[in-house]
């Protein structure tokens, strides 16, 4: 659903205010939003392929009947591989894409939260003024 002209203007004002408040954070968010999609999809494809390998080990362990003391060890390994693939799909792409930058961005995240409150308060004040004027 496309935005109306008023909504587009509001979005442009919010973006320009964000760039004015914290240009480093704004460029970081924009870069991750448009440039970081390839690594996420690649990680999900890797996780899916590892999951299929684990599924093959699970079923293959049951078919081959490889047991240690009556326990299907190959099937257990297959299950653990599938579990690891699930974890990789859920958490791997978030920690992998921002894990190398977590230490430098913690300070800017704290300052971003402080300036974010000011920014949100300003936007709320603008909204209230416009609402009172009837726009």
N, C-alpha and C. Protein backbone atom coordinates (compact mmCIF):
# COMPACT_ATOMS: atom_id res chain seq x y z
N UNK A 1 0.85 -1.17 0.00
CA UNK A 1 0.00 0.00 0.00
C UNK A 1 0.89 1.24 0.00
N UNK A 2 0.77 2.09 -1.02
CA UNK A 2 1.62 3.28 -1.09
C UNK A 2 1.25 4.31 -0.04
N UNK A 3 2.25 5.12 0.30
CA UNK A 3 2.04 6.18 1.29
C UNK A 3 1.41 7.39 0.63
N UNK A 4 0.61 8.12 1.40
CA UNK A 4 0.04 9.35 0.89
C UNK A 4 1.13 10.43 0.87
N UNK A 5 0.82 11.55 0.26
CA UNK A 5 1.81 12.64 0.20
C UNK A 5 2.19 13.12 1.59
N UNK A 6 1.19 13.23 2.44
CA UNK A 6 1.44 13.69 3.81
C UNK A 6 2.35 12.69 4.54
N UNK A 7 2.08 11.41 4.38
CA UNK A 7 2.90 10.38 5.03
C UNK A 7 4.32 10.38 4.47
N UNK A 8 4.45 10.59 3.16
CA UNK A 8 5.79 10.66 2.56
C UNK A 8 6.57 11.85 3.10
N UNK A 9 5.90 13.00 3.23
CA UNK A 9 6.56 14.17 3.80
C UNK A 9 6.99 13.93 5.24
N UNK A 10 6.11 13.29 6.01
CA UNK A 10 6.44 12.97 7.40
C UNK A 10 7.64 12.03 7.47
N UNK A 11 7.66 11.03 6.60
CA UNK A 11 8.77 10.09 6.58
C UNK A 11 10.07 10.79 6.20
N UNK A 12 10.01 11.69 5.23
CA UNK A 12 11.20 12.44 4.86
C UNK A 12 11.68 13.34 6.00
N UNK A 13 10.75 13.93 6.73
CA UNK A 13 11.13 14.74 7.89
C UNK A 13 11.78 13.89 8.97
N UNK A 14 11.22 12.73 9.21
CA UNK A 14 11.80 11.83 10.22
C UNK A 14 13.20 11.40 9.80
N UNK A 15 13.36 11.04 8.52
CA UNK A 15 14.67 10.62 8.03
C UNK A 15 15.69 11.75 8.14
N UNK A 16 15.30 12.96 7.76
CA UNK A 16 16.24 14.07 7.83
C UNK A 16 16.58 14.40 9.28
N UNK A 17 15.60 14.28 10.18
CA UNK A 17 15.89 14.51 11.60
C UNK A 17 16.82 13.43 12.14
N UNK A 18 16.65 12.21 11.68
CA UNK A 18 17.53 11.12 12.11
C UNK A 18 18.95 11.36 11.62
N UNK A 19 19.10 11.77 10.37
CA UNK A 19 20.43 12.07 9.85
C UNK A 19 21.06 13.24 10.60
N UNK A 20 20.24 14.23 10.98
CA UNK A 20 20.78 15.37 11.71
C UNK A 20 21.19 14.98 13.12
N UNK A 21 20.40 14.12 13.77
CA UNK A 21 20.69 13.72 15.15
C UNK A 21 21.92 12.82 15.24
N UNK A 22 21.95 11.78 14.43
CA UNK A 22 23.03 10.79 14.51
C UNK A 22 23.31 10.22 13.13
N UNK A 23 24.13 10.91 12.33
CA UNK A 23 24.36 10.45 10.97
C UNK A 23 25.07 9.09 10.90
N UNK A 24 25.91 8.80 11.89
CA UNK A 24 26.61 7.51 11.88
C UNK A 24 25.62 6.37 12.06
N UNK A 25 24.71 6.51 13.02
CA UNK A 25 23.69 5.49 13.24
C UNK A 25 22.78 5.36 12.02
N UNK A 26 22.38 6.47 11.44
CA UNK A 26 21.49 6.44 10.28
C UNK A 26 22.14 5.73 9.10
N UNK A 27 23.41 6.00 8.85
CA UNK A 27 24.09 5.32 7.75
C UNK A 27 24.29 3.84 8.05
N UNK A 28 24.51 3.52 9.33
CA UNK A 28 24.66 2.11 9.72
C UNK A 28 23.35 1.35 9.50
N UNK A 29 22.23 1.93 9.89
CA UNK A 29 20.94 1.29 9.71
C UNK A 29 20.62 1.16 8.24
N UNK A 30 20.87 2.18 7.48
CA UNK A 30 20.60 2.13 6.05
C UNK A 30 21.47 1.10 5.36
N UNK A 31 22.74 0.99 5.76
CA UNK A 31 23.64 0.01 5.17
C UNK A 31 23.22 -1.41 5.47
N UNK A 32 22.78 -1.67 6.68
CA UNK A 32 22.34 -3.02 7.05
C UNK A 32 21.03 -3.35 6.37
N UNK A 33 20.19 -2.37 6.20
CA UNK A 33 18.88 -2.62 5.63
C UNK A 33 18.98 -3.02 4.16
N UNK A 34 19.84 -2.31 3.40
CA UNK A 34 19.91 -2.57 1.97
C UNK A 34 21.11 -3.44 1.59
N UNK A 35 22.20 -3.38 2.33
CA UNK A 35 23.38 -4.13 1.94
C UNK A 35 23.55 -5.44 2.66
N UNK A 36 22.88 -5.65 3.77
CA UNK A 36 23.12 -6.84 4.57
C UNK A 36 22.22 -8.01 4.23
N UNK A 37 21.36 -7.88 3.26
CA UNK A 37 20.42 -8.94 2.95
C UNK A 37 21.06 -10.18 2.37
N UNK A 38 22.17 -10.03 1.65
CA UNK A 38 22.81 -11.17 1.02
C UNK A 38 23.38 -12.15 2.01
N UNK A 39 24.00 -11.66 3.06
CA UNK A 39 24.60 -12.56 4.03
C UNK A 39 23.54 -13.30 4.82
N UNK A 40 22.39 -12.67 5.06
CA UNK A 40 21.32 -13.32 5.80
C UNK A 40 20.74 -14.47 4.97
N UNK A 41 20.46 -14.21 3.71
CA UNK A 41 19.89 -15.28 2.88
C UNK A 41 20.90 -16.39 2.67
N UNK A 42 22.17 -16.04 2.54
CA UNK A 42 23.22 -17.06 2.39
C UNK A 42 23.30 -17.92 3.66
N UNK A 43 23.20 -17.29 4.82
CA UNK A 43 23.25 -18.04 6.08
C UNK A 43 22.04 -18.96 6.20
N UNK A 44 20.89 -18.51 5.77
CA UNK A 44 19.70 -19.37 5.84
C UNK A 44 19.82 -20.55 4.89
N UNK A 45 20.38 -20.33 3.72
CA UNK A 45 20.59 -21.44 2.78
C UNK A 45 21.58 -22.43 3.36
N UNK A 46 22.64 -21.94 3.99
CA UNK A 46 23.60 -22.83 4.64
C UNK A 46 22.92 -23.63 5.75
N UNK A 47 22.11 -22.97 6.55
CA UNK A 47 21.42 -23.66 7.64
C UNK A 47 20.47 -24.72 7.09
N UNK A 48 19.78 -24.42 6.00
CA UNK A 48 18.87 -25.40 5.40
C UNK A 48 19.63 -26.60 4.87
N UNK A 49 20.78 -26.36 4.25
CA UNK A 49 21.55 -27.49 3.72
C UNK A 49 22.13 -28.33 4.86
N UNK A 50 22.58 -27.71 5.95
CA UNK A 50 23.07 -28.47 7.10
C UNK A 50 21.92 -29.26 7.73
N UNK A 51 20.72 -28.68 7.75
CA UNK A 51 19.56 -29.38 8.28
C UNK A 51 19.26 -30.63 7.46
N UNK A 52 19.34 -30.51 6.14
CA UNK A 52 19.09 -31.66 5.26
C UNK A 52 20.15 -32.74 5.49
N UNK A 53 21.39 -32.34 5.68
CA UNK A 53 22.45 -33.31 5.99
C UNK A 53 22.15 -34.02 7.30
N UNK A 54 21.72 -33.27 8.31
CA UNK A 54 21.35 -33.87 9.59
C UNK A 54 20.18 -34.82 9.46
N UNK A 55 19.20 -34.45 8.64
CA UNK A 55 18.06 -35.32 8.41
C UNK A 55 18.51 -36.61 7.74
N UNK A 56 19.42 -36.49 6.79
CA UNK A 56 19.97 -37.68 6.14
C UNK A 56 20.70 -38.58 7.13
N UNK A 57 21.47 -37.98 8.04
CA UNK A 57 22.15 -38.77 9.07
C UNK A 57 21.15 -39.45 10.00
N UNK A 58 20.10 -38.73 10.35
CA UNK A 58 19.09 -39.28 11.24
C UNK A 58 18.42 -40.51 10.61
N UNK A 59 17.97 -40.37 9.39
CA UNK A 59 17.31 -41.48 8.70
C UNK A 59 18.31 -42.57 8.37
N UNK A 60 19.49 -42.17 7.92
CA UNK A 60 20.53 -43.16 7.60
C UNK A 60 20.94 -43.97 8.81
N UNK A 61 20.97 -43.35 9.96
CA UNK A 61 21.30 -44.07 11.18
C UNK A 61 20.26 -45.11 11.53
N UNK A 62 19.02 -44.81 11.26
CA UNK A 62 17.95 -45.79 11.51
C UNK A 62 18.00 -46.93 10.51
N UNK A 63 18.28 -46.60 9.25
CA UNK A 63 18.34 -47.62 8.21
C UNK A 63 19.56 -48.51 8.40
N UNK A 64 20.73 -47.91 8.65
CA UNK A 64 21.97 -48.67 8.79
C UNK A 64 22.05 -49.41 10.12
N UNK A 65 21.25 -48.98 11.07
CA UNK A 65 21.20 -49.61 12.38
C UNK A 65 22.57 -49.63 13.05
N UNK A 66 23.26 -48.49 13.02
CA UNK A 66 24.55 -48.35 13.69
C UNK A 66 24.26 -48.00 15.14
N UNK A 67 24.61 -48.92 16.03
CA UNK A 67 24.32 -48.70 17.45
C UNK A 67 25.57 -48.88 18.29
N UNK A 68 25.60 -48.16 19.39
CA UNK A 68 26.62 -48.32 20.41
C UNK A 68 25.88 -48.67 21.69
N UNK A 69 26.06 -49.87 22.16
CA UNK A 69 25.34 -50.39 23.35
C UNK A 69 23.83 -50.30 23.17
N UNK A 70 23.37 -50.57 21.97
CA UNK A 70 21.94 -50.55 21.70
C UNK A 70 21.38 -49.17 21.44
N UNK A 71 22.23 -48.14 21.37
CA UNK A 71 21.77 -46.76 21.16
C UNK A 71 22.15 -46.33 19.74
N UNK A 72 21.18 -45.83 18.95
CA UNK A 72 21.48 -45.42 17.56
C UNK A 72 22.32 -44.13 17.52
N UNK A 73 23.62 -44.28 17.57
CA UNK A 73 24.52 -43.13 17.68
C UNK A 73 24.50 -42.26 16.43
N UNK A 74 24.40 -42.84 15.25
CA UNK A 74 24.37 -42.05 14.02
C UNK A 74 23.11 -41.19 13.95
N UNK A 75 22.01 -41.72 14.43
CA UNK A 75 20.77 -40.94 14.46
C UNK A 75 20.88 -39.80 15.46
N UNK A 76 21.55 -40.05 16.57
CA UNK A 76 21.76 -38.98 17.55
C UNK A 76 22.61 -37.86 16.96
N UNK A 77 23.65 -38.23 16.24
CA UNK A 77 24.50 -37.23 15.59
C UNK A 77 23.68 -36.44 14.56
N UNK A 78 22.84 -37.14 13.82
CA UNK A 78 21.97 -36.46 12.85
C UNK A 78 21.03 -35.48 13.52
N UNK A 79 20.46 -35.88 14.66
CA UNK A 79 19.58 -34.97 15.39
C UNK A 79 20.34 -33.75 15.88
N UNK A 80 21.55 -33.96 16.40
CA UNK A 80 22.33 -32.83 16.89
C UNK A 80 22.72 -31.88 15.75
N UNK A 81 23.00 -32.44 14.59
CA UNK A 81 23.32 -31.59 13.42
C UNK A 81 22.08 -30.79 13.02
N UNK A 82 20.91 -31.43 13.04
CA UNK A 82 19.68 -30.71 12.71
C UNK A 82 19.40 -29.60 13.73
N UNK A 83 19.63 -29.90 15.00
CA UNK A 83 19.43 -28.90 16.05
C UNK A 83 20.38 -27.72 15.87
N UNK A 84 21.63 -28.02 15.55
CA UNK A 84 22.61 -26.95 15.32
C UNK A 84 22.22 -26.11 14.10
N UNK A 85 21.67 -26.74 13.09
CA UNK A 85 21.23 -25.99 11.90
C UNK A 85 20.07 -25.07 12.26
N UNK A 86 19.18 -25.54 13.11
CA UNK A 86 18.08 -24.69 13.55
C UNK A 86 18.57 -23.49 14.33
N UNK A 87 19.53 -23.73 15.21
CA UNK A 87 20.12 -22.61 15.95
C UNK A 87 20.84 -21.65 15.02
N UNK A 88 21.52 -22.21 14.04
CA UNK A 88 22.24 -21.36 13.08
C UNK A 88 21.25 -20.50 12.29
N UNK A 89 20.11 -21.06 11.95
CA UNK A 89 19.10 -20.30 11.20
C UNK A 89 18.48 -19.21 12.06
N UNK A 90 18.28 -19.52 13.35
CA UNK A 90 17.63 -18.53 14.21
C UNK A 90 18.57 -17.44 14.70
N UNK A 91 19.73 -17.85 15.18
CA UNK A 91 20.63 -16.89 15.82
C UNK A 91 21.88 -16.60 15.02
N UNK A 92 22.25 -17.45 14.14
CA UNK A 92 23.52 -17.30 13.45
C UNK A 92 23.62 -16.04 12.62
N UNK A 93 22.55 -15.68 11.92
CA UNK A 93 22.65 -14.51 11.04
C UNK A 93 22.67 -13.22 11.82
N UNK A 94 22.04 -13.14 12.99
CA UNK A 94 22.07 -11.89 13.75
C UNK A 94 23.41 -11.70 14.42
N UNK A 95 23.97 -12.75 15.01
CA UNK A 95 25.27 -12.59 15.67
C UNK A 95 26.39 -12.53 14.65
N UNK A 96 26.21 -13.18 13.50
CA UNK A 96 27.26 -13.15 12.50
C UNK A 96 27.37 -11.81 11.81
N UNK A 97 26.25 -11.14 11.59
CA UNK A 97 26.31 -9.88 10.87
C UNK A 97 26.68 -8.71 11.76
N UNK A 98 26.37 -8.79 13.05
CA UNK A 98 26.69 -7.66 13.93
C UNK A 98 27.67 -8.03 15.02
N UNK A 99 28.11 -9.29 15.07
CA UNK A 99 29.00 -9.71 16.13
C UNK A 99 30.35 -9.04 16.08
N UNK A 100 30.87 -8.77 14.89
CA UNK A 100 32.17 -8.14 14.78
C UNK A 100 32.11 -6.66 15.12
N UNK A 101 30.91 -6.08 15.08
CA UNK A 101 30.79 -4.66 15.35
C UNK A 101 30.14 -4.38 16.69
N UNK A 102 29.97 -5.41 17.52
CA UNK A 102 29.21 -5.20 18.75
C UNK A 102 29.95 -4.31 19.74
N UNK A 103 31.26 -4.43 19.84
CA UNK A 103 31.96 -3.62 20.83
C UNK A 103 32.02 -2.14 20.46
N UNK A 104 32.27 -1.74 19.19
CA UNK A 104 32.26 -0.31 18.91
C UNK A 104 30.87 0.30 18.95
N UNK A 105 29.86 -0.47 18.68
CA UNK A 105 28.53 0.14 18.58
C UNK A 105 27.82 0.23 19.92
N UNK A 106 28.39 -0.37 20.98
CA UNK A 106 27.68 -0.30 22.26
C UNK A 106 27.66 1.11 22.80
N UNK A 107 28.72 1.85 22.63
CA UNK A 107 28.71 3.23 23.09
C UNK A 107 27.77 4.09 22.29
N UNK A 108 27.74 3.90 20.97
CA UNK A 108 26.84 4.70 20.16
C UNK A 108 25.39 4.28 20.38
N UNK A 109 25.17 3.01 20.76
CA UNK A 109 23.80 2.60 21.04
C UNK A 109 23.29 3.28 22.30
N UNK A 110 24.16 3.43 23.28
CA UNK A 110 23.72 4.13 24.50
C UNK A 110 23.42 5.59 24.20
N UNK A 111 24.31 6.23 23.46
CA UNK A 111 24.04 7.64 23.13
C UNK A 111 22.86 7.75 22.19
N UNK A 112 22.65 6.73 21.32
CA UNK A 112 21.50 6.74 20.44
C UNK A 112 20.21 6.63 21.20
N UNK A 113 20.22 5.87 22.31
CA UNK A 113 19.02 5.77 23.12
C UNK A 113 18.69 7.10 23.77
N UNK A 114 19.73 7.79 24.25
CA UNK A 114 19.48 9.10 24.87
C UNK A 114 18.94 10.08 23.85
N UNK A 115 19.59 10.16 22.70
CA UNK A 115 19.11 11.09 21.68
C UNK A 115 17.81 10.60 21.07
N UNK A 116 17.56 9.28 21.10
CA UNK A 116 16.31 8.73 20.58
C UNK A 116 15.12 9.20 21.40
N UNK A 117 15.31 9.32 22.69
CA UNK A 117 14.21 9.81 23.52
C UNK A 117 13.90 11.26 23.18
N UNK A 118 14.93 12.05 23.01
CA UNK A 118 14.70 13.44 22.65
C UNK A 118 14.00 13.53 21.30
N UNK A 119 14.46 12.71 20.37
CA UNK A 119 13.87 12.70 19.04
C UNK A 119 12.41 12.28 19.10
N UNK A 120 12.12 11.22 19.86
CA UNK A 120 10.73 10.76 19.94
C UNK A 120 9.85 11.78 20.66
N UNK A 121 10.41 12.44 21.66
CA UNK A 121 9.64 13.49 22.34
C UNK A 121 9.33 14.62 21.38
N UNK A 122 10.32 15.00 20.58
CA UNK A 122 10.09 16.07 19.60
C UNK A 122 9.03 15.66 18.59
N UNK A 123 9.10 14.41 18.12
CA UNK A 123 8.11 13.97 17.14
C UNK A 123 6.72 13.91 17.77
N UNK A 124 6.65 13.52 19.03
CA UNK A 124 5.36 13.50 19.72
C UNK A 124 4.81 14.92 19.87
N UNK A 125 5.68 15.87 20.20
CA UNK A 125 5.25 17.25 20.30
C UNK A 125 4.75 17.78 18.97
N UNK A 126 5.47 17.44 17.89
CA UNK A 126 5.03 17.87 16.56
C UNK A 126 3.66 17.29 16.23
N UNK A 127 3.50 16.00 16.55
CA UNK A 127 2.21 15.36 16.28
C UNK A 127 1.10 16.04 17.06
N UNK A 128 1.35 16.32 18.33
CA UNK A 128 0.32 16.97 19.15
C UNK A 128 -0.02 18.35 18.63
N UNK A 129 0.99 19.11 18.20
CA UNK A 129 0.71 20.44 17.64
C UNK A 129 -0.12 20.34 16.37
N UNK A 130 0.22 19.40 15.50
CA UNK A 130 -0.54 19.24 14.26
C UNK A 130 -1.95 18.78 14.54
N UNK A 131 -2.09 17.90 15.52
CA UNK A 131 -3.41 17.40 15.88
C UNK A 131 -4.27 18.53 16.42
N UNK A 132 -3.67 19.43 17.22
CA UNK A 132 -4.42 20.55 17.77
C UNK A 132 -4.82 21.55 16.69
N UNK A 133 -3.96 21.71 15.69
CA UNK A 133 -4.28 22.63 14.58
C UNK A 133 -5.30 22.02 13.62
N UNK A 134 -5.43 20.68 13.65
CA UNK A 134 -6.43 20.04 12.78
C UNK A 134 -5.91 19.66 11.42
N UNK A 135 -4.62 19.46 11.26
CA UNK A 135 -4.07 19.06 9.94
C UNK A 135 -4.27 17.60 9.71
